[in-house]
Structure formats: C-alpha cells, structure tokens
Amino acid sequence: MKTREFFIAGMAALALASNALAHHSHAYYVPSEEKIVHGTVKEFDWRNPHSWITIVVADEASGEALEWAFEARAPNMLSSQGWSADSLKPGDEIAVTFRPLINGGTGGLLREITLADGTILSDR
C-alpha cells in the first residue's frame, strides 16, 4: 500500500511541475520602466506562444541601423485587442512602447504600438 501511495504522489508532483514550467517569467524585463523607440517594421512574427516584432532603428550616436526585437502576447490575446496578422507590415513606421531588457539590449516586452496614422495597438 505504501508503494502505491508513493507512486500516486510522485505522479501528481510531476503533473503539477509540468504546468509550472509551461511559461517563462518576464524577469528579463525591467517591470517598473517603460521606454519608447521609433523605427521601421522589419518583421511581424504572428505565432504561438508569443508573437515577435522586429524593427530597424537608427542608432542615435552613430546613425547605424540596429535591429530591435519585442516580445508580444500570443495571437489569440492580441486578436482580442483588435490585432490581426496583417496589423504590421514590413516598411511600416511605428513607435513602440516597451519594458526594456534588464541587460540594456536592443529589445524588450511590448506594451503598445503607435502606427503612423496615430492608431494605437495595445498589448496590455
């Protein structure tokens, strides 16, 4: 009887642990800070588990073109806020409001996009 109870407890622990690992944290990003960067859409990757937006930004100091990447929510979450797979196209000029990476890299966690016509696409 003891072996059976141990086996059941072990299986339950494994089942619960797999759910806990199903999603990563947002510890890569500074939660208390938001920044804005302006750039040109290079790619909008509309996929699960997270959509990604890559833009090209001119470096303020050198003028060099830098790629920035922003993590967004899953397509079903974005759809519920009015987004579609066609919301962003390569060449679109946008402003990105984001939570920066803790390492200061070129990217972050998307908060919202402002399109050239003033339309705001939120990821909140």
Protein backbone atom coordinates (compact mmCIF):
# COMPACT_ATOMS: atom_id res chain seq x y z
CA MET A 1 0.00 0.00 0.00
CA LYS A 2 2.81 2.40 0.81
CA THR A 3 4.42 1.92 -2.62
CA ARG A 4 1.15 2.70 -4.38
CA GLU A 5 0.64 5.92 -2.37
CA PHE A 6 4.23 6.97 -3.08
CA PHE A 7 3.73 6.31 -6.80
CA ILE A 8 0.49 8.35 -6.92
CA ALA A 9 2.10 11.25 -5.03
CA GLY A 10 5.08 11.18 -7.39
CA MET A 11 2.86 11.21 -10.49
CA ALA A 12 0.84 14.12 -9.08
CA ALA A 13 4.03 16.08 -8.39
CA LEU A 14 5.25 15.50 -11.95
CA ALA A 15 1.92 16.58 -13.41
CA LEU A 16 1.91 19.81 -11.40
CA ALA A 17 5.55 20.56 -12.15
CA SER A 18 4.99 20.37 -15.91
CA ASN A 19 2.31 23.07 -15.65
CA ALA A 20 4.62 25.29 -13.64
CA LEU A 21 7.27 25.12 -16.37
CA ALA A 22 4.84 25.79 -19.20
CA HIS A 23 5.54 29.52 -19.25
CA HIS A 24 8.61 31.60 -18.60
CA SER A 25 8.62 34.66 -16.39
CA HIS A 26 9.10 38.23 -17.50
CA ALA A 27 12.19 38.53 -15.31
CA TYR A 28 14.22 39.53 -18.39
CA TYR A 29 12.49 42.91 -18.42
CA VAL A 30 12.52 45.95 -16.12
CA PRO A 31 8.94 45.91 -14.73
CA SER A 32 8.93 49.48 -13.42
CA GLU A 33 10.22 51.18 -16.57
CA GLU A 34 8.73 51.97 -19.96
CA LYS A 35 10.56 53.41 -22.95
CA ILE A 36 9.60 54.44 -26.47
CA VAL A 37 11.59 53.81 -29.63
CA HIS A 38 10.74 54.77 -33.23
CA GLY A 39 11.59 52.53 -36.15
CA THR A 40 10.58 50.67 -39.28
CA VAL A 41 8.96 47.24 -39.14
CA LYS A 42 11.23 44.54 -40.49
CA GLU A 43 9.15 41.51 -39.45
CA PHE A 44 5.95 40.71 -37.57
CA ASP A 45 6.04 37.08 -36.46
CA TRP A 46 2.42 36.18 -35.60
CA ARG A 47 2.78 32.84 -33.80
CA ASN A 48 2.33 30.95 -30.55
CA PRO A 49 3.36 31.03 -27.82
CA HIS A 50 4.43 34.66 -28.35
CA SER A 51 4.35 36.99 -31.31
CA TRP A 52 7.53 38.92 -32.09
CA ILE A 53 8.05 42.29 -33.75
CA THR A 54 11.43 43.19 -35.22
CA ILE A 55 12.09 46.80 -36.18
CA VAL A 56 15.06 48.70 -37.55
CA VAL A 57 16.10 51.75 -35.53
CA ALA A 58 18.77 54.31 -36.38
CA ASP A 59 21.31 54.46 -33.54
CA GLU A 60 21.30 57.99 -32.08
CA ALA A 61 25.08 58.19 -31.75
CA SER A 62 26.33 56.53 -34.93
CA GLY A 63 23.30 56.54 -37.22
CA GLU A 64 23.88 52.80 -37.72
CA ALA A 65 20.76 50.71 -38.39
CA LEU A 66 20.10 48.42 -35.41
CA GLU A 67 17.54 45.65 -35.13
CA TRP A 68 15.30 45.70 -32.08
CA ALA A 69 13.06 42.74 -31.14
CA PHE A 70 9.96 42.92 -28.98
CA GLU A 71 8.10 40.05 -27.36
CA ALA A 72 4.32 40.32 -27.56
CA ARG A 73 1.46 38.14 -26.41
CA ALA A 74 0.06 35.15 -28.25
CA PRO A 75 -2.09 35.80 -31.33
CA ASN A 76 -5.33 34.91 -29.52
CA MET A 77 -4.63 37.55 -26.87
CA LEU A 78 -3.64 40.16 -29.47
CA SER A 79 -6.75 39.35 -31.54
CA SER A 80 -8.96 40.07 -28.54
CA GLN A 81 -7.44 43.58 -28.51
CA GLY A 82 -8.05 44.25 -32.20
CA TRP A 83 -4.79 42.99 -33.71
CA SER A 84 -4.55 40.71 -36.74
CA ALA A 85 -1.72 39.01 -38.61
CA ASP A 86 -1.85 41.98 -41.01
CA SER A 87 -1.68 44.73 -38.36
CA LEU A 88 2.00 45.38 -39.12
CA LYS A 89 3.78 45.10 -42.43
CA PRO A 90 7.45 45.45 -43.36
CA GLY A 91 8.19 49.11 -44.00
CA ASP A 92 5.57 50.48 -41.58
CA GLU A 93 6.87 53.36 -39.47
CA ILE A 94 5.90 52.80 -35.83
CA ALA A 95 6.60 53.89 -32.27
CA VAL A 96 7.00 51.07 -29.76
CA THR A 97 6.31 51.50 -26.05
CA PHE A 98 8.06 48.70 -24.18
CA ARG A 99 9.61 47.44 -20.96
CA PRO A 100 13.37 47.30 -21.58
CA LEU A 101 15.61 44.29 -21.20
CA ILE A 102 17.46 44.24 -17.88
CA ASN A 103 20.76 43.83 -19.74
CA GLY A 104 20.17 47.03 -21.74
CA GLY A 105 19.92 45.17 -25.05
CA THR A 106 18.00 46.25 -28.13
CA GLY A 107 14.55 44.93 -27.40
CA GLY A 108 12.01 44.39 -24.70
CA LEU A 109 8.49 43.43 -23.70
CA LEU A 110 5.88 45.12 -25.89
CA ARG A 111 3.33 47.38 -24.21
CA GLU A 112 1.86 49.16 -27.25
CA ILE A 113 2.48 50.20 -30.85
CA THR A 114 1.56 53.59 -32.30
CA LEU A 115 1.10 53.49 -36.06
CA ALA A 116 1.95 56.40 -38.37
CA ASP A 117 -1.75 57.39 -38.53
CA GLY A 118 -1.95 57.58 -34.71
CA THR A 119 -3.74 54.25 -34.24
CA ILE A 120 -2.67 52.53 -31.02
CA LEU A 121 -2.36 48.75 -30.83
CA SER A 122 -2.17 47.73 -27.18
CA ASP A 123 -0.60 44.63 -25.68
CA ARG A 124 -1.72 45.29 -22.12
